[in-house]
Amino acid sequence: LDLKPGDEVITTPFTFAATVEVIALLGGVPVLVDIEPDTCNIDARH
């Protein structure tokens, strides 16, 4: 997808490190949106 340094990727803070790691390795910025309390998946509403 040609992620460039400084590009932002929205994801969840509640995950294994690899999710955020790959963004950081390419110089991207992980933007973390909180989770649903009952499923622990990212809360799409936010």
All heavy atoms as atom14 arrays in JSON, in Angstrom:
{
  "sequence": "LDLKPGDEVITTPFTFAATVEVIALLGGVPVLVDIEPDTCNIDARH",
  "atom14_mask": [
    [1, 1, 1, 1, 1, 1, 1, 1, 0, 0, 0, 0, 0, 0],
    [1, 1, 1, 1, 1, 1, 1, 1, 0, 0, 0, 0, 0, 0],
    [1, 1, 1, 1, 1, 1, 1, 1, 0, 0, 0, 0, 0, 0],
    [1, 1, 1, 1, 1, 1, 1, 1, 1, 0, 0, 0, 0, 0],
    [1, 1, 1, 1, 1, 1, 1, 0, 0, 0, 0, 0, 0, 0],
    [1, 1, 1, 1, 0, 0, 0, 0, 0, 0, 0, 0, 0, 0],
    [1, 1, 1, 1, 1, 1, 1, 1, 0, 0, 0, 0, 0, 0],
    [1, 1, 1, 1, 1, 1, 1, 1, 1, 0, 0, 0, 0, 0],
    [1, 1, 1, 1, 1, 1, 1, 0, 0, 0, 0, 0, 0, 0],
    [1, 1, 1, 1, 1, 1, 1, 1, 0, 0, 0, 0, 0, 0],
    [1, 1, 1, 1, 1, 1, 1, 0, 0, 0, 0, 0, 0, 0],
    [1, 1, 1, 1, 1, 1, 1, 0, 0, 0, 0, 0, 0, 0],
    [1, 1, 1, 1, 1, 1, 1, 0, 0, 0, 0, 0, 0, 0],
    [1, 1, 1, 1, 1, 1, 1, 1, 1, 1, 1, 0, 0, 0],
    [1, 1, 1, 1, 1, 1, 1, 0, 0, 0, 0, 0, 0, 0],
    [1, 1, 1, 1, 1, 1, 1, 1, 1, 1, 1, 0, 0, 0],
    [1, 1, 1, 1, 1, 0, 0, 0, 0, 0, 0, 0, 0, 0],
    [1, 1, 1, 1, 1, 0, 0, 0, 0, 0, 0, 0, 0, 0],
    [1, 1, 1, 1, 1, 1, 1, 0, 0, 0, 0, 0, 0, 0],
    [1, 1, 1, 1, 1, 1, 1, 0, 0, 0, 0, 0, 0, 0],
    [1, 1, 1, 1, 1, 1, 1, 1, 1, 0, 0, 0, 0, 0],
    [1, 1, 1, 1, 1, 1, 1, 0, 0, 0, 0, 0, 0, 0],
    [1, 1, 1, 1, 1, 1, 1, 1, 0, 0, 0, 0, 0, 0],
    [1, 1, 1, 1, 1, 0, 0, 0, 0, 0, 0, 0, 0, 0],
    [1, 1, 1, 1, 1, 1, 1, 1, 0, 0, 0, 0, 0, 0],
    [1, 1, 1, 1, 1, 1, 1, 1, 0, 0, 0, 0, 0, 0],
    [1, 1, 1, 1, 0, 0, 0, 0, 0, 0, 0, 0, 0, 0],
    [1, 1, 1, 1, 0, 0, 0, 0, 0, 0, 0, 0, 0, 0],
    [1, 1, 1, 1, 1, 1, 1, 0, 0, 0, 0, 0, 0, 0],
    [1, 1, 1, 1, 1, 1, 1, 0, 0, 0, 0, 0, 0, 0],
    [1, 1, 1, 1, 1, 1, 1, 0, 0, 0, 0, 0, 0, 0],
    [1, 1, 1, 1, 1, 1, 1, 1, 0, 0, 0, 0, 0, 0],
    [1, 1, 1, 1, 1, 1, 1, 0, 0, 0, 0, 0, 0, 0],
    [1, 1, 1, 1, 1, 1, 1, 1, 0, 0, 0, 0, 0, 0],
    [1, 1, 1, 1, 1, 1, 1, 1, 0, 0, 0, 0, 0, 0],
    [1, 1, 1, 1, 1, 1, 1, 1, 1, 0, 0, 0, 0, 0],
    [1, 1, 1, 1, 1, 1, 1, 0, 0, 0, 0, 0, 0, 0],
    [1, 1, 1, 1, 1, 1, 1, 1, 0, 0, 0, 0, 0, 0],
    [1, 1, 1, 1, 1, 1, 1, 0, 0, 0, 0, 0, 0, 0],
    [1, 1, 1, 1, 1, 1, 0, 0, 0, 0, 0, 0, 0, 0],
    [1, 1, 1, 1, 1, 1, 1, 1, 0, 0, 0, 0, 0, 0],
    [1, 1, 1, 1, 1, 1, 1, 1, 0, 0, 0, 0, 0, 0],
    [1, 1, 1, 1, 1, 1, 1, 1, 0, 0, 0, 0, 0, 0],
    [1, 1, 1, 1, 1, 0, 0, 0, 0, 0, 0, 0, 0, 0],
    [1, 1, 1, 1, 1, 1, 1, 1, 1, 1, 1, 0, 0, 0],
    [1, 1, 1, 1, 1, 1, 1, 1, 1, 1, 0, 0, 0, 0]
  ],
  "atom14_positions": [
    [[0.82, -1.21, 0.0], [0.0, 0.0, 0.0], [0.85, 1.26, 0.0], [0.32, 2.37, 0.04], [-0.94, 0.01, 1.21], [-2.06, -1.04, 1.15], [-2.72, -1.19, 2.52], [-3.1, -0.65, 0.11], [0.0, 0.0, 0.0], [0.0, 0.0, 0.0], [0.0, 0.0, 0.0], [0.0, 0.0, 0.0], [0.0, 0.0, 0.0], [0.0, 0.0, 0.0]],
    [[2.17, 1.08, -0.01], [3.13, 2.19, -0.11], [3.06, 3.13, 1.09], [3.08, 4.36, 0.93], [2.91, 2.97, -1.41], [4.13, 3.81, -1.8], [5.25, 3.44, -1.4], [3.95, 4.83, -2.5], [0.0, 0.0, 0.0], [0.0, 0.0, 0.0], [0.0, 0.0, 0.0], [0.0, 0.0, 0.0], [0.0, 0.0, 0.0], [0.0, 0.0, 0.0]],
    [[3.0, 2.56, 2.28], [3.0, 3.38, 3.49], [4.32, 4.14, 3.58], [5.39, 3.56, 3.45], [2.81, 2.51, 4.73], [2.58, 3.29, 6.02], [1.14, 3.79, 6.08], [2.89, 2.44, 7.25], [0.0, 0.0, 0.0], [0.0, 0.0, 0.0], [0.0, 0.0, 0.0], [0.0, 0.0, 0.0], [0.0, 0.0, 0.0], [0.0, 0.0, 0.0]],
    [[4.23, 5.44, 3.82], [5.4, 6.31, 3.88], [5.63, 6.79, 5.32], [4.7, 6.82, 6.13], [5.19, 7.53, 2.97], [5.12, 7.2, 1.49], [6.49, 6.88, 0.93], [6.56, 7.0, -0.58], [5.69, 6.06, -1.29], [0.0, 0.0, 0.0], [0.0, 0.0, 0.0], [0.0, 0.0, 0.0], [0.0, 0.0, 0.0], [0.0, 0.0, 0.0]],
    [[6.87, 7.18, 5.65], [7.13, 7.75, 6.97], [6.19, 8.94, 7.25], [6.0, 9.8, 6.38], [8.59, 8.21, 6.87], [9.2, 7.28, 5.88], [8.12, 7.04, 4.86], [0.0, 0.0, 0.0], [0.0, 0.0, 0.0], [0.0, 0.0, 0.0], [0.0, 0.0, 0.0], [0.0, 0.0, 0.0], [0.0, 0.0, 0.0], [0.0, 0.0, 0.0]],
    [[5.61, 8.94, 8.42], [4.68, 10.0, 8.81], [3.23, 9.68, 8.5], [2.32, 10.33, 9.03], [0.0, 0.0, 0.0], [0.0, 0.0, 0.0], [0.0, 0.0, 0.0], [0.0, 0.0, 0.0], [0.0, 0.0, 0.0], [0.0, 0.0, 0.0], [0.0, 0.0, 0.0], [0.0, 0.0, 0.0], [0.0, 0.0, 0.0], [0.0, 0.0, 0.0]],
    [[2.98, 8.68, 7.64], [1.6, 8.27, 7.38], [1.0, 7.64, 8.63], [1.69, 6.93, 9.37], [1.53, 7.26, 6.23], [1.79, 7.88, 4.87], [1.79, 9.12, 4.78], [1.99, 7.13, 3.91], [0.0, 0.0, 0.0], [0.0, 0.0, 0.0], [0.0, 0.0, 0.0], [0.0, 0.0, 0.0], [0.0, 0.0, 0.0], [0.0, 0.0, 0.0]],
    [[-0.28, 7.87, 8.83], [-0.96, 7.35, 10.01], [-1.8, 6.11, 9.67], [-2.45, 6.07, 8.62], [-1.86, 8.43, 10.61], [-1.09, 9.64, 11.1], [-1.98, 10.79, 11.55], [-3.21, 10.69, 11.38], [-1.44, 11.79, 12.07], [0.0, 0.0, 0.0], [0.0, 0.0, 0.0], [0.0, 0.0, 0.0], [0.0, 0.0, 0.0], [0.0, 0.0, 0.0]],
    [[-1.76, 5.16, 10.58], [-2.6, 3.96, 10.45], [-3.4, 3.82, 11.73], [-2.83, 3.75, 12.83], [-1.75, 2.69, 10.23], [-2.65, 1.46, 10.13], [-0.9, 2.83, 8.97], [0.0, 0.0, 0.0], [0.0, 0.0, 0.0], [0.0, 0.0, 0.0], [0.0, 0.0, 0.0], [0.0, 0.0, 0.0], [0.0, 0.0, 0.0], [0.0, 0.0, 0.0]],
    [[-4.71, 3.79, 11.6], [-5.58, 3.67, 12.76], [-5.74, 2.21, 13.13], [-6.08, 1.37, 12.28], [-6.96, 4.31, 12.48], [-6.8, 5.81, 12.24], [-7.94, 4.04, 13.62], [-8.07, 6.5, 11.78], [0.0, 0.0, 0.0], [0.0, 0.0, 0.0], [0.0, 0.0, 0.0], [0.0, 0.0, 0.0], [0.0, 0.0, 0.0], [0.0, 0.0, 0.0]],
    [[-5.48, 1.9, 14.39], [-5.61, 0.52, 14.86], [-5.97, 0.53, 16.34], [-6.35, 1.57, 16.89], [-4.33, -0.29, 14.56], [-4.57, -1.66, 14.83], [-3.14, 0.22, 15.35], [0.0, 0.0, 0.0], [0.0, 0.0, 0.0], [0.0, 0.0, 0.0], [0.0, 0.0, 0.0], [0.0, 0.0, 0.0], [0.0, 0.0, 0.0], [0.0, 0.0, 0.0]],
    [[-5.86, -0.61, 16.98], [-6.25, -0.77, 18.37], [-5.03, -0.84, 19.28], [-4.0, -1.4, 18.89], [-7.1, -2.05, 18.53], [-7.26, -2.35, 19.93], [-6.43, -3.24, 17.87], [0.0, 0.0, 0.0], [0.0, 0.0, 0.0], [0.0, 0.0, 0.0], [0.0, 0.0, 0.0], [0.0, 0.0, 0.0], [0.0, 0.0, 0.0], [0.0, 0.0, 0.0]],
    [[-5.14, -0.33, 20.5], [-4.04, -0.49, 21.45], [-4.01, -1.86, 22.11], [-3.01, -2.24, 22.71], [-4.31, 0.59, 22.5], [-5.79, 0.77, 22.48], [-6.22, 0.53, 21.05], [0.0, 0.0, 0.0], [0.0, 0.0, 0.0], [0.0, 0.0, 0.0], [0.0, 0.0, 0.0], [0.0, 0.0, 0.0], [0.0, 0.0, 0.0], [0.0, 0.0, 0.0]],
    [[-5.12, -2.62, 21.97], [-5.24, -3.9, 22.67], [-5.03, -5.03, 21.68], [-5.97, -5.57, 21.09], [-6.61, -3.99, 23.34], [-6.67, -5.07, 24.4], [-5.89, -4.98, 25.55], [-7.49, -6.17, 24.24], [-5.93, -5.97, 26.52], [-7.54, -7.17, 25.2], [-6.76, -7.07, 26.35], [0.0, 0.0, 0.0], [0.0, 0.0, 0.0], [0.0, 0.0, 0.0]],
    [[-3.76, -5.38, 21.48], [-3.37, -6.35, 20.46], [-1.96, -6.81, 20.74], [-1.26, -6.25, 21.62], [-3.45, -5.71, 19.06], [-3.11, -6.69, 18.06], [-2.51, -4.53, 18.92], [0.0, 0.0, 0.0], [0.0, 0.0, 0.0], [0.0, 0.0, 0.0], [0.0, 0.0, 0.0], [0.0, 0.0, 0.0], [0.0, 0.0, 0.0], [0.0, 0.0, 0.0]],
    [[-1.51, -7.83, 20.01], [-0.12, -8.23, 20.07], [0.73, -7.15, 19.39], [0.28, -6.47, 18.47], [0.08, -9.58, 19.38], [1.48, -10.08, 19.43], [2.11, -10.34, 20.64], [2.21, -10.29, 18.26], [3.42, -10.8, 20.7], [3.51, -10.75, 18.3], [4.12, -11.01, 19.52], [0.0, 0.0, 0.0], [0.0, 0.0, 0.0], [0.0, 0.0, 0.0]],
    [[1.97, -7.03, 19.82], [2.84, -5.94, 19.37], [3.01, -5.88, 17.86], [3.23, -4.79, 17.3], [4.2, -6.06, 20.03], [0.0, 0.0, 0.0], [0.0, 0.0, 0.0], [0.0, 0.0, 0.0], [0.0, 0.0, 0.0], [0.0, 0.0, 0.0], [0.0, 0.0, 0.0], [0.0, 0.0, 0.0], [0.0, 0.0, 0.0], [0.0, 0.0, 0.0]],
    [[2.91, -7.02, 17.17], [3.16, -7.03, 15.72], [2.27, -6.05, 14.97], [2.69, -5.46, 13.97], [2.95, -8.44, 15.17], [0.0, 0.0, 0.0], [0.0, 0.0, 0.0], [0.0, 0.0, 0.0], [0.0, 0.0, 0.0], [0.0, 0.0, 0.0], [0.0, 0.0, 0.0], [0.0, 0.0, 0.0], [0.0, 0.0, 0.0], [0.0, 0.0, 0.0]],
    [[1.04, -5.85, 15.43], [0.11, -4.94, 14.75], [0.7, -3.54, 14.65], [0.63, -2.89, 13.6], [-1.23, -4.9, 15.5], [-1.71, -6.23, 15.71], [-2.26, -4.09, 14.74], [0.0, 0.0, 0.0], [0.0, 0.0, 0.0], [0.0, 0.0, 0.0], [0.0, 0.0, 0.0], [0.0, 0.0, 0.0], [0.0, 0.0, 0.0], [0.0, 0.0, 0.0]],
    [[1.25, -3.07, 15.75], [1.83, -1.72, 15.81], [3.27, -1.73, 15.3], [3.74, -0.77, 14.69], [1.74, -1.18, 17.25], [2.5, 0.12, 17.4], [0.28, -0.99, 17.66], [0.0, 0.0, 0.0], [0.0, 0.0, 0.0], [0.0, 0.0, 0.0], [0.0, 0.0, 0.0], [0.0, 0.0, 0.0], [0.0, 0.0, 0.0], [0.0, 0.0, 0.0]],
    [[3.96, -2.81, 15.55], [5.37, -2.94, 15.16], [5.59, -2.68, 13.67], [6.51, -1.95, 13.28], [5.83, -4.34, 15.52], [7.25, -4.69, 15.16], [7.56, -6.13, 15.56], [6.8, -7.04, 15.16], [8.55, -6.34, 16.28], [0.0, 0.0, 0.0], [0.0, 0.0, 0.0], [0.0, 0.0, 0.0], [0.0, 0.0, 0.0], [0.0, 0.0, 0.0]],
    [[4.74, -3.27, 12.82], [4.95, -3.14, 11.38], [4.73, -1.71, 10.91], [5.38, -1.24, 9.96], [4.05, -4.12, 10.59], [4.47, -5.56, 10.87], [2.56, -3.93, 10.91], [0.0, 0.0, 0.0], [0.0, 0.0, 0.0], [0.0, 0.0, 0.0], [0.0, 0.0, 0.0], [0.0, 0.0, 0.0], [0.0, 0.0, 0.0], [0.0, 0.0, 0.0]],
    [[3.82, -1.0, 11.55], [3.6, 0.41, 11.22], [4.86, 1.21, 11.56], [5.36, 2.0, 10.75], [2.39, 0.97, 11.98], [1.13, 0.18, 11.64], [2.19, 2.46, 11.68], [-0.06, 0.47, 12.57], [0.0, 0.0, 0.0], [0.0, 0.0, 0.0], [0.0, 0.0, 0.0], [0.0, 0.0, 0.0], [0.0, 0.0, 0.0], [0.0, 0.0, 0.0]],
    [[5.38, 0.97, 12.76], [6.57, 1.7, 13.21], [7.79, 1.38, 12.35], [8.61, 2.25, 12.06], [6.85, 1.37, 14.67], [0.0, 0.0, 0.0], [0.0, 0.0, 0.0], [0.0, 0.0, 0.0], [0.0, 0.0, 0.0], [0.0, 0.0, 0.0], [0.0, 0.0, 0.0], [0.0, 0.0, 0.0], [0.0, 0.0, 0.0], [0.0, 0.0, 0.0]],
    [[7.93, 0.12, 11.93], [9.08, -0.27, 11.12], [9.14, 0.5, 9.8], [10.23, 0.75, 9.27], [9.03, -1.77, 10.82], [9.46, -2.7, 11.95], [9.15, -4.15, 11.6], [10.96, -2.54, 12.25], [0.0, 0.0, 0.0], [0.0, 0.0, 0.0], [0.0, 0.0, 0.0], [0.0, 0.0, 0.0], [0.0, 0.0, 0.0], [0.0, 0.0, 0.0]],
    [[7.99, 0.9, 9.29], [7.95, 1.65, 8.03], [7.92, 3.16, 8.26], [7.75, 3.93, 7.31], [6.73, 1.22, 7.21], [6.75, -0.24, 6.74], [5.45, -0.6, 6.03], [7.94, -0.51, 5.82], [0.0, 0.0, 0.0], [0.0, 0.0, 0.0], [0.0, 0.0, 0.0], [0.0, 0.0, 0.0], [0.0, 0.0, 0.0], [0.0, 0.0, 0.0]],
    [[8.07, 3.57, 9.5], [8.09, 4.99, 9.82], [6.71, 5.6, 9.96], [6.57, 6.82, 10.04], [0.0, 0.0, 0.0], [0.0, 0.0, 0.0], [0.0, 0.0, 0.0], [0.0, 0.0, 0.0], [0.0, 0.0, 0.0], [0.0, 0.0, 0.0], [0.0, 0.0, 0.0], [0.0, 0.0, 0.0], [0.0, 0.0, 0.0], [0.0, 0.0, 0.0]],
    [[5.68, 4.76, 9.99], [4.33, 5.25, 10.14], [3.99, 5.59, 11.58], [4.76, 5.32, 12.5], [0.0, 0.0, 0.0], [0.0, 0.0, 0.0], [0.0, 0.0, 0.0], [0.0, 0.0, 0.0], [0.0, 0.0, 0.0], [0.0, 0.0, 0.0], [0.0, 0.0, 0.0], [0.0, 0.0, 0.0], [0.0, 0.0, 0.0], [0.0, 0.0, 0.0]],
    [[2.83, 6.19, 11.76], [2.37, 6.6, 13.09], [1.16, 5.75, 13.46], [0.1, 5.87, 12.83], [1.99, 8.09, 13.12], [1.49, 8.5, 14.5], [3.19, 8.95, 12.7], [0.0, 0.0, 0.0], [0.0, 0.0, 0.0], [0.0, 0.0, 0.0], [0.0, 0.0, 0.0], [0.0, 0.0, 0.0], [0.0, 0.0, 0.0], [0.0, 0.0, 0.0]],
    [[1.25, 4.91, 14.48], [0.08, 4.17, 14.94], [-0.87, 5.12, 15.68], [-0.47, 5.78, 16.64], [0.66, 3.12, 15.89], [2.14, 3.12, 15.65], [2.48, 4.51, 15.19], [0.0, 0.0, 0.0], [0.0, 0.0, 0.0], [0.0, 0.0, 0.0], [0.0, 0.0, 0.0], [0.0, 0.0, 0.0], [0.0, 0.0, 0.0], [0.0, 0.0, 0.0]],
    [[-2.11, 5.18, 15.22], [-3.14, 5.97, 15.88], [-4.1, 4.99, 16.54], [-4.77, 4.21, 15.85], [-3.87, 6.88, 14.87], [-4.99, 7.66, 15.55], [-2.88, 7.83, 14.19], [0.0, 0.0, 0.0], [0.0, 0.0, 0.0], [0.0, 0.0, 0.0], [0.0, 0.0, 0.0], [0.0, 0.0, 0.0], [0.0, 0.0, 0.0], [0.0, 0.0, 0.0]],
    [[-4.14, 5.0, 17.86], [-4.81, 3.95, 18.61], [-6.19, 4.4, 19.09], [-6.32, 5.39, 19.81], [-3.95, 3.54, 19.81], [-2.5, 3.17, 19.46], [-1.76, 2.75, 20.73], [-2.45, 2.06, 18.42], [0.0, 0.0, 0.0], [0.0, 0.0, 0.0], [0.0, 0.0, 0.0], [0.0, 0.0, 0.0], [0.0, 0.0, 0.0], [0.0, 0.0, 0.0]],
    [[-7.21, 3.64, 18.68], [-8.6, 3.9, 19.07], [-9.02, 2.82, 20.05], [-8.77, 1.63, 19.82], [-9.51, 3.9, 17.82], [-10.98, 3.96, 18.22], [-9.17, 5.07, 16.92], [0.0, 0.0, 0.0], [0.0, 0.0, 0.0], [0.0, 0.0, 0.0], [0.0, 0.0, 0.0], [0.0, 0.0, 0.0], [0.0, 0.0, 0.0], [0.0, 0.0, 0.0]],
    [[-9.67, 3.21, 21.12], [-9.99, 2.29, 22.2], [-10.97, 1.19, 21.78], [-11.54, 1.22, 20.69], [-10.54, 3.05, 23.41], [-10.14, 2.41, 24.74], [-9.62, 1.28, 24.73], [-10.37, 3.05, 25.79], [0.0, 0.0, 0.0], [0.0, 0.0, 0.0], [0.0, 0.0, 0.0], [0.0, 0.0, 0.0], [0.0, 0.0, 0.0], [0.0, 0.0, 0.0]],
    [[-11.16, 0.23, 22.66], [-11.88, -1.0, 22.36], [-13.3, -1.01, 22.9], [-13.67, -0.2, 23.75], [-11.12, -2.22, 22.93], [-10.97, -2.09, 24.46], [-9.77, -2.35, 22.26], [-10.39, -3.31, 25.15], [0.0, 0.0, 0.0], [0.0, 0.0, 0.0], [0.0, 0.0, 0.0], [0.0, 0.0, 0.0], [0.0, 0.0, 0.0], [0.0, 0.0, 0.0]],
    [[-14.09, -1.96, 22.42], [-15.39, -2.27, 23.0], [-15.15, -3.06, 24.29], [-14.34, -3.98, 24.3], [-16.23, -3.11, 22.04], [-16.51, -2.42, 20.72], [-17.12, -3.36, 19.69], [-16.86, -4.59, 19.78], [-17.82, -2.87, 18.79], [0.0, 0.0, 0.0], [0.0, 0.0, 0.0], [0.0, 0.0, 0.0], [0.0, 0.0, 0.0], [0.0, 0.0, 0.0]],
    [[-15.86, -2.75, 25.36], [-15.56, -3.42, 26.63], [-15.96, -4.89, 26.67], [-15.4, -5.65, 27.45], [-16.39, -2.61, 27.64], [-17.48, -1.98, 26.84], [-16.89, -1.69, 25.5], [0.0, 0.0, 0.0], [0.0, 0.0, 0.0], [0.0, 0.0, 0.0], [0.0, 0.0, 0.0], [0.0, 0.0, 0.0], [0.0, 0.0, 0.0], [0.0, 0.0, 0.0]],
    [[-16.88, -5.3, 25.8], [-17.35, -6.69, 25.88], [-16.68, -7.62, 24.88], [-16.57, -8.82, 25.13], [-18.87, -6.75, 25.7], [-19.33, -6.17, 24.37], [-18.59, -5.34, 23.79], [-20.44, -6.52, 23.92], [0.0, 0.0, 0.0], [0.0, 0.0, 0.0], [0.0, 0.0, 0.0], [0.0, 0.0, 0.0], [0.0, 0.0, 0.0], [0.0, 0.0, 0.0]],
    [[-16.19, -7.1, 23.75], [-15.51, -7.95, 22.76], [-13.99, -7.74, 22.75], [-13.25, -8.6, 22.27], [-16.01, -7.66, 21.33], [-15.57, -6.35, 20.94], [-17.53, -7.76, 21.25], [0.0, 0.0, 0.0], [0.0, 0.0, 0.0], [0.0, 0.0, 0.0], [0.0, 0.0, 0.0], [0.0, 0.0, 0.0], [0.0, 0.0, 0.0], [0.0, 0.0, 0.0]],
    [[-13.54, -6.61, 23.25], [-12.14, -6.18, 23.22], [-11.66, -5.86, 21.8], [-10.46, -5.64, 21.59], [-11.22, -7.2, 23.87], [-11.39, -7.27, 25.67], [0.0, 0.0, 0.0], [0.0, 0.0, 0.0], [0.0, 0.0, 0.0], [0.0, 0.0, 0.0], [0.0, 0.0, 0.0], [0.0, 0.0, 0.0], [0.0, 0.0, 0.0], [0.0, 0.0, 0.0]],
    [[-12.56, -5.83, 20.83], [-12.21, -5.37, 19.48], [-12.27, -3.85, 19.41], [-12.94, -3.2, 20.23], [-13.17, -5.97, 18.45], [-12.75, -7.35, 17.99], [-11.56, -7.65, 17.92], [-13.71, -8.2, 17.69], [0.0, 0.0, 0.0], [0.0, 0.0, 0.0], [0.0, 0.0, 0.0], [0.0, 0.0, 0.0], [0.0, 0.0, 0.0], [0.0, 0.0, 0.0]],
    [[-11.61, -3.29, 18.42], [-11.63, -1.85, 18.22], [-13.07, -1.35, 18.13], [-13.93, -2.0, 17.54], [-10.83, -1.45, 16.96], [-10.63, 0.06, 16.87], [-11.46, -2.02, 15.69], [-9.64, 0.48, 15.78], [0.0, 0.0, 0.0], [0.0, 0.0, 0.0], [0.0, 0.0, 0.0], [0.0, 0.0, 0.0], [0.0, 0.0, 0.0], [0.0, 0.0, 0.0]],
    [[-13.35, -0.2, 18.75], [-14.7, 0.37, 18.75], [-14.85, 1.25, 17.5], [-14.31, 2.36, 17.44], [-14.92, 1.19, 20.01], [-16.39, 1.55, 20.24], [-17.11, 1.69, 19.22], [-16.81, 1.69, 21.39], [0.0, 0.0, 0.0], [0.0, 0.0, 0.0], [0.0, 0.0, 0.0], [0.0, 0.0, 0.0], [0.0, 0.0, 0.0], [0.0, 0.0, 0.0]],
    [[-15.57, 0.73, 16.53], [-15.7, 1.43, 15.24], [-16.33, 2.81, 15.39], [-16.1, 3.69, 14.56], [-16.52, 0.58, 14.27], [0.0, 0.0, 0.0], [0.0, 0.0, 0.0], [0.0, 0.0, 0.0], [0.0, 0.0, 0.0], [0.0, 0.0, 0.0], [0.0, 0.0, 0.0], [0.0, 0.0, 0.0], [0.0, 0.0, 0.0], [0.0, 0.0, 0.0]],
    [[-17.1, 3.02, 16.44], [-17.78, 4.31, 16.63], [-16.8, 5.46, 16.82], [-17.15, 6.63, 16.61], [-18.72, 4.24, 17.83], [-19.88, 3.26, 17.67], [-20.63, 3.11, 18.97], [-19.76, 2.64, 20.05], [-20.15, 2.53, 21.32], [-21.39, 2.87, 21.67], [-19.29, 2.1, 22.24], [0.0, 0.0, 0.0], [0.0, 0.0, 0.0], [0.0, 0.0, 0.0]],
    [[-15.57, 5.16, 17.23], [-14.6, 6.21, 17.53], [-13.54, 6.39, 16.44], [-12.65, 7.23, 16.57], [-13.9, 5.9, 18.86], [-14.85, 5.74, 20.01], [-15.87, 6.63, 20.24], [-14.93, 4.8, 20.99], [-16.55, 6.25, 21.32], [-16.0, 5.13, 21.78], [0.0, 0.0, 0.0], [0.0, 0.0, 0.0], [0.0, 0.0, 0.0], [0.0, 0.0, 0.0]]
  ]
}
